[in-house]
Amino acid sequence: MKVEWNQDKCIHSAECVKNLPAVFMVKGGKFVIDQSGAPKDEIRRVVGMCPSGALEITE
């Protein structure tokens, strides 16, 4: 499983960062996804919360 972020679609609501900060975070002014920070089911849940669809999962 891989989480991809489409910067052009992102509306910066920060739902991912608020709901799963161990995976989705901003470091040094850049958006970082660290998939080792949570179980896959939790990551899937938060990706599904993205209001703009900027986060996508590929298998």
PDB file of N, CA and C in Angstrom:
ATOM      1  N   MET A   1       0.837  -1.177   0.000  1.00  0.00           N
ATOM      2  CA  MET A   1       0.000   0.000   0.000  1.00  0.00           C
ATOM      3  C   MET A   1       0.885   1.243   0.000  1.00  0.00           C
ATOM      4  N   LYS A   2       0.512   2.210  -0.833  1.00  0.00           N
ATOM      5  CA  LYS A   2       1.244   3.471  -0.877  1.00  0.00           C
ATOM      6  C   LYS A   2       0.237   4.621  -0.877  1.00  0.00           C
ATOM      7  N   VAL A   3       0.502   5.622  -0.046  1.00  0.00           N
ATOM      8  CA  VAL A   3      -0.335   6.814  -0.013  1.00  0.00           C
ATOM      9  C   VAL A   3       0.337   7.888  -0.855  1.00  0.00           C
ATOM     10  N   GLU A   4      -0.426   8.451  -1.774  1.00  0.00           N
ATOM     11  CA  GLU A   4       0.090   9.518  -2.623  1.00  0.00           C
ATOM     12  C   GLU A   4      -0.702  10.789  -2.371  1.00  0.00           C
ATOM     13  N   TRP A   5      -0.011  11.922  -2.473  1.00  0.00           N
ATOM     14  CA  TRP A   5      -0.610  13.231  -2.236  1.00  0.00           C
ATOM     15  C   TRP A   5      -0.530  14.059  -3.502  1.00  0.00           C
ATOM     16  N   ASN A   6      -1.675  14.572  -3.947  1.00  0.00           N
ATOM     17  CA  ASN A   6      -1.728  15.432  -5.119  1.00  0.00           C
ATOM     18  C   ASN A   6      -1.806  16.879  -4.637  1.00  0.00           C
ATOM     19  N   GLN A   7      -0.699  17.567  -4.699  1.00  0.00           N
ATOM     20  CA  GLN A   7      -0.592  18.937  -4.199  1.00  0.00           C
ATOM     21  C   GLN A   7      -1.579  19.873  -4.901  1.00  0.00           C
ATOM     22  N   ASP A   8      -1.834  19.641  -6.185  1.00  0.00           N
ATOM     23  CA  ASP A   8      -2.731  20.513  -6.940  1.00  0.00           C
ATOM     24  C   ASP A   8      -4.188  20.382  -6.500  1.00  0.00           C
ATOM     25  N   LYS A   9      -4.570  19.225  -5.973  1.00  0.00           N
ATOM     26  CA  LYS A   9      -5.938  19.012  -5.494  1.00  0.00           C
ATOM     27  C   LYS A   9      -6.135  19.465  -4.051  1.00  0.00           C
ATOM     28  N   CYS A  10      -5.075  19.525  -3.292  1.00  0.00           N
ATOM     29  CA  CYS A  10      -5.146  19.768  -1.848  1.00  0.00           C
ATOM     30  C   CYS A  10      -5.708  21.161  -1.543  1.00  0.00           C
ATOM     31  N   ILE A  11      -6.693  21.207  -0.624  1.00  0.00           N
ATOM     32  CA  ILE A  11      -7.266  22.488  -0.191  1.00  0.00           C
ATOM     33  C   ILE A  11      -6.771  22.865   1.207  1.00  0.00           C
ATOM     34  N   HIS A  12      -5.842  22.116   1.727  1.00  0.00           N
ATOM     35  CA  HIS A  12      -5.166  22.401   2.996  1.00  0.00           C
ATOM     36  C   HIS A  12      -6.120  22.511   4.186  1.00  0.00           C
ATOM     37  N   SER A  13      -7.102  21.623   4.224  1.00  0.00           N
ATOM     38  CA  SER A  13      -8.004  21.583   5.380  1.00  0.00           C
ATOM     39  C   SER A  13      -7.319  20.939   6.579  1.00  0.00           C
ATOM     40  N   ALA A  14      -6.238  20.224   6.342  1.00  0.00           N
ATOM     41  CA  ALA A  14      -5.414  19.578   7.375  1.00  0.00           C
ATOM     42  C   ALA A  14      -6.140  18.483   8.142  1.00  0.00           C
ATOM     43  N   GLU A  15      -7.179  17.901   7.556  1.00  0.00           N
ATOM     44  CA  GLU A  15      -7.879  16.794   8.216  1.00  0.00           C
ATOM     45  C   GLU A  15      -6.920  15.637   8.482  1.00  0.00           C
ATOM     46  N   CYS A  16      -6.033  15.367   7.551  1.00  0.00           N
ATOM     47  CA  CYS A  16      -5.078  14.269   7.723  1.00  0.00           C
ATOM     48  C   CYS A  16      -4.128  14.554   8.878  1.00  0.00           C
ATOM     49  N   VAL A  17      -3.599  15.757   8.936  1.00  0.00           N
ATOM     50  CA  VAL A  17      -2.645  16.135   9.983  1.00  0.00           C
ATOM     51  C   VAL A  17      -3.325  16.139  11.353  1.00  0.00           C
ATOM     52  N   LYS A  18      -4.555  16.626  11.416  1.00  0.00           N
ATOM     53  CA  LYS A  18      -5.293  16.675  12.689  1.00  0.00           C
ATOM     54  C   LYS A  18      -5.656  15.284  13.190  1.00  0.00           C
ATOM     55  N   ASN A  19      -6.025  14.394  12.270  1.00  0.00           N
ATOM     56  CA  ASN A  19      -6.544  13.089  12.664  1.00  0.00           C
ATOM     57  C   ASN A  19      -5.505  11.985  12.772  1.00  0.00           C
ATOM     58  N   LEU A  20      -4.355  12.153  12.135  1.00  0.00           N
ATOM     59  CA  LEU A  20      -3.314  11.130  12.215  1.00  0.00           C
ATOM     60  C   LEU A  20      -1.932  11.778  12.071  1.00  0.00           C
ATOM     61  N   PRO A  21      -1.539  12.582  13.069  1.00  0.00           N
ATOM     62  CA  PRO A  21      -0.280  13.325  12.979  1.00  0.00           C
ATOM     63  C   PRO A  21       0.974  12.454  12.987  1.00  0.00           C
ATOM     64  N   ALA A  22       0.855  11.205  13.398  1.00  0.00           N
ATOM     65  CA  ALA A  22       2.012  10.308  13.366  1.00  0.00           C
ATOM     66  C   ALA A  22       2.349   9.879  11.937  1.00  0.00           C
ATOM     67  N   VAL A  23       1.407  10.063  11.019  1.00  0.00           N
ATOM     68  CA  VAL A  23       1.612   9.691   9.615  1.00  0.00           C
ATOM     69  C   VAL A  23       1.713  10.922   8.721  1.00  0.00           C
ATOM     70  N   PHE A  24       0.783  11.854   8.896  1.00  0.00           N
ATOM     71  CA  PHE A  24       0.705  13.046   8.049  1.00  0.00           C
ATOM     72  C   PHE A  24       1.210  14.247   8.837  1.00  0.00           C
ATOM     73  N   MET A  25       2.276  14.878   8.352  1.00  0.00           N
ATOM     74  CA  MET A  25       2.882  15.981   9.110  1.00  0.00           C
ATOM     75  C   MET A  25       3.578  16.956   8.167  1.00  0.00           C
ATOM     76  N   VAL A  26       3.885  18.117   8.703  1.00  0.00           N
ATOM     77  CA  VAL A  26       4.665  19.110   7.967  1.00  0.00           C
ATOM     78  C   VAL A  26       6.006  19.237   8.674  1.00  0.00           C
ATOM     79  N   LYS A  27       7.072  19.022   7.917  1.00  0.00           N
ATOM     80  CA  LYS A  27       8.438  19.138   8.452  1.00  0.00           C
ATOM     81  C   LYS A  27       9.235  20.052   7.534  1.00  0.00           C
ATOM     82  N   GLY A  28       9.810  21.073   8.111  1.00  0.00           N
ATOM     83  CA  GLY A  28      10.617  21.995   7.320  1.00  0.00           C
ATOM     84  C   GLY A  28       9.845  22.643   6.188  1.00  0.00           C
ATOM     85  N   GLY A  29       8.554  22.867   6.408  1.00  0.00           N
ATOM     86  CA  GLY A  29       7.720  23.494   5.391  1.00  0.00           C
ATOM     87  C   GLY A  29       7.245  22.561   4.293  1.00  0.00           C
ATOM     88  N   LYS A  30       7.527  21.259   4.426  1.00  0.00           N
ATOM     89  CA  LYS A  30       7.108  20.283   3.417  1.00  0.00           C
ATOM     90  C   LYS A  30       6.170  19.254   4.034  1.00  0.00           C
ATOM     91  N   PHE A  31       5.186  18.830   3.247  1.00  0.00           N
ATOM     92  CA  PHE A  31       4.245  17.803   3.678  1.00  0.00           C
ATOM     93  C   PHE A  31       4.928  16.446   3.597  1.00  0.00           C
ATOM     94  N   VAL A  32       4.848  15.693   4.681  1.00  0.00           N
ATOM     95  CA  VAL A  32       5.515  14.390   4.779  1.00  0.00           C
ATOM     96  C   VAL A  32       4.479  13.331   5.137  1.00  0.00           C
ATOM     97  N   ILE A  33       4.586  12.175   4.502  1.00  0.00           N
ATOM     98  CA  ILE A  33       3.749  11.022   4.827  1.00  0.00           C
ATOM     99  C   ILE A  33       4.676   9.913   5.296  1.00  0.00           C
ATOM    100  N   ASP A  34       4.537   9.522   6.567  1.00  0.00           N
ATOM    101  CA  ASP A  34       5.335   8.439   7.148  1.00  0.00           C
ATOM    102  C   ASP A  34       4.396   7.284   7.470  1.00  0.00           C
ATOM    103  N   GLN A  35       4.253   6.369   6.530  1.00  0.00           N
ATOM    104  CA  GLN A  35       3.294   5.279   6.678  1.00  0.00           C
ATOM    105  C   GLN A  35       3.623   4.318   7.810  1.00  0.00           C
ATOM    106  N   SER A  36       4.810   4.405   8.362  1.00  0.00           N
ATOM    107  CA  SER A  36       5.167   3.521   9.474  1.00  0.00           C
ATOM    108  C   SER A  36       4.547   3.999  10.790  1.00  0.00           C
ATOM    109  N   GLY A  37       3.897   5.164  10.770  1.00  0.00           N
ATOM    110  CA  GLY A  37       3.366   5.758  11.992  1.00  0.00           C
ATOM    111  C   GLY A  37       2.034   5.225  12.472  1.00  0.00           C
ATOM    112  N   ALA A  38       1.377   4.355  11.677  1.00  0.00           N
ATOM    113  CA  ALA A  38       0.062   3.838  12.075  1.00  0.00           C
ATOM    114  C   ALA A  38      -0.274   2.595  11.258  1.00  0.00           C
ATOM    115  N   PRO A  39      -1.219   1.797  11.758  1.00  0.00           N
ATOM    116  CA  PRO A  39      -1.663   0.624  11.002  1.00  0.00           C
ATOM    117  C   PRO A  39      -2.365   1.038   9.697  1.00  0.00           C
ATOM    118  N   LYS A  40      -2.348   0.143   8.732  1.00  0.00           N
ATOM    119  CA  LYS A  40      -2.942   0.428   7.426  1.00  0.00           C
ATOM    120  C   LYS A  40      -4.410   0.819   7.514  1.00  0.00           C
ATOM    121  N   ASP A  41      -5.170   0.167   8.384  1.00  0.00           N
ATOM    122  CA  ASP A  41      -6.597   0.488   8.471  1.00  0.00           C
ATOM    123  C   ASP A  41      -6.835   1.909   8.967  1.00  0.00           C
ATOM    124  N   GLU A  42      -5.993   2.395   9.858  1.00  0.00           N
ATOM    125  CA  GLU A  42      -6.099   3.776  10.339  1.00  0.00           C
ATOM    126  C   GLU A  42      -5.732   4.755   9.228  1.00  0.00           C
ATOM    127  N   ILE A  43      -4.710   4.431   8.474  1.00  0.00           N
ATOM    128  CA  ILE A  43      -4.307   5.291   7.356  1.00  0.00           C
ATOM    129  C   ILE A  43      -5.428   5.356   6.326  1.00  0.00           C
ATOM    130  N   ARG A  44      -6.012   4.211   5.999  1.00  0.00           N
ATOM    131  CA  ARG A  44      -7.131   4.176   5.045  1.00  0.00           C
ATOM    132  C   ARG A  44      -8.295   5.039   5.531  1.00  0.00           C
ATOM    133  N   ARG A  45      -8.598   4.958   6.811  1.00  0.00           N
ATOM    134  CA  ARG A  45      -9.703   5.729   7.386  1.00  0.00           C
ATOM    135  C   ARG A  45      -9.471   7.225   7.190  1.00  0.00           C
ATOM    136  N   VAL A  46      -8.272   7.685   7.494  1.00  0.00           N
ATOM    137  CA  VAL A  46      -7.972   9.113   7.396  1.00  0.00           C
ATOM    138  C   VAL A  46      -7.872   9.560   5.937  1.00  0.00           C
ATOM    139  N   VAL A  47      -7.324   8.749   5.072  1.00  0.00           N
ATOM    140  CA  VAL A  47      -7.290   9.088   3.645  1.00  0.00           C
ATOM    141  C   VAL A  47      -8.723   9.282   3.136  1.00  0.00           C
ATOM    142  N   GLY A  48      -9.639   8.461   3.607  1.00  0.00           N
ATOM    143  CA  GLY A  48     -11.047   8.584   3.222  1.00  0.00           C
ATOM    144  C   GLY A  48     -11.706   9.860   3.714  1.00  0.00           C
ATOM    145  N   MET A  49     -11.120  10.511   4.693  1.00  0.00           N
ATOM    146  CA  MET A  49     -11.657  11.761   5.234  1.00  0.00           C
ATOM    147  C   MET A  49     -11.224  12.984   4.430  1.00  0.00           C
ATOM    148  N   CYS A  50     -10.297  12.826   3.523  1.00  0.00           N
ATOM    149  CA  CYS A  50      -9.759  13.964   2.766  1.00  0.00           C
ATOM    150  C   CYS A  50     -10.870  14.594   1.917  1.00  0.00           C
ATOM    151  N   PRO A  51     -11.245  15.848   2.209  1.00  0.00           N
ATOM    152  CA  PRO A  51     -12.375  16.457   1.508  1.00  0.00           C
ATOM    153  C   PRO A  51     -12.119  16.775   0.032  1.00  0.00           C
ATOM    154  N   SER A  52     -10.875  16.920  -0.349  1.00  0.00           N
ATOM    155  CA  SER A  52     -10.574  17.274  -1.740  1.00  0.00           C
ATOM    156  C   SER A  52     -10.187  16.071  -2.592  1.00  0.00           C
ATOM    157  N   GLY A  53      -9.941  14.935  -1.952  1.00  0.00           N
ATOM    158  CA  GLY A  53      -9.480  13.763  -2.690  1.00  0.00           C
ATOM    159  C   GLY A  53      -8.012  13.844  -3.070  1.00  0.00           C
ATOM    160  N   ALA A  54      -7.264  14.700  -2.383  1.00  0.00           N
ATOM    161  CA  ALA A  54      -5.842  14.869  -2.691  1.00  0.00           C
ATOM    162  C   ALA A  54      -4.999  13.681  -2.239  1.00  0.00           C
ATOM    163  N   LEU A  55      -5.514  12.913  -1.292  1.00  0.00           N
ATOM    164  CA  LEU A  55      -4.806  11.719  -0.826  1.00  0.00           C
ATOM    165  C   LEU A  55      -5.415  10.495  -1.489  1.00  0.00           C
ATOM    166  N   GLU A  56      -4.571   9.646  -2.039  1.00  0.00           N
ATOM    167  CA  GLU A  56      -5.030   8.425  -2.689  1.00  0.00           C
ATOM    168  C   GLU A  56      -4.156   7.260  -2.271  1.00  0.00           C
ATOM    169  N   ILE A  57      -4.768   6.096  -2.231  1.00  0.00           N
ATOM    170  CA  ILE A  57      -4.042   4.869  -1.903  1.00  0.00           C
ATOM    171  C   ILE A  57      -3.907   4.027  -3.158  1.00  0.00           C
ATOM    172  N   THR A  58      -2.691   3.565  -3.405  1.00  0.00           N
ATOM    173  CA  THR A  58      -2.451   2.597  -4.465  1.00  0.00           C
ATOM    174  C   THR A  58      -1.910   1.332  -3.814  1.00  0.00           C
ATOM    175  N   GLU A  59      -2.272   0.224  -4.372  1.00  0.00           N
ATOM    176  CA  GLU A  59      -1.836  -1.067  -3.812  1.00  0.00           C
ATOM    177  C   GLU A  59      -0.600  -1.564  -4.521  1.00  0.00           C
TER     178      GLU A  59
END
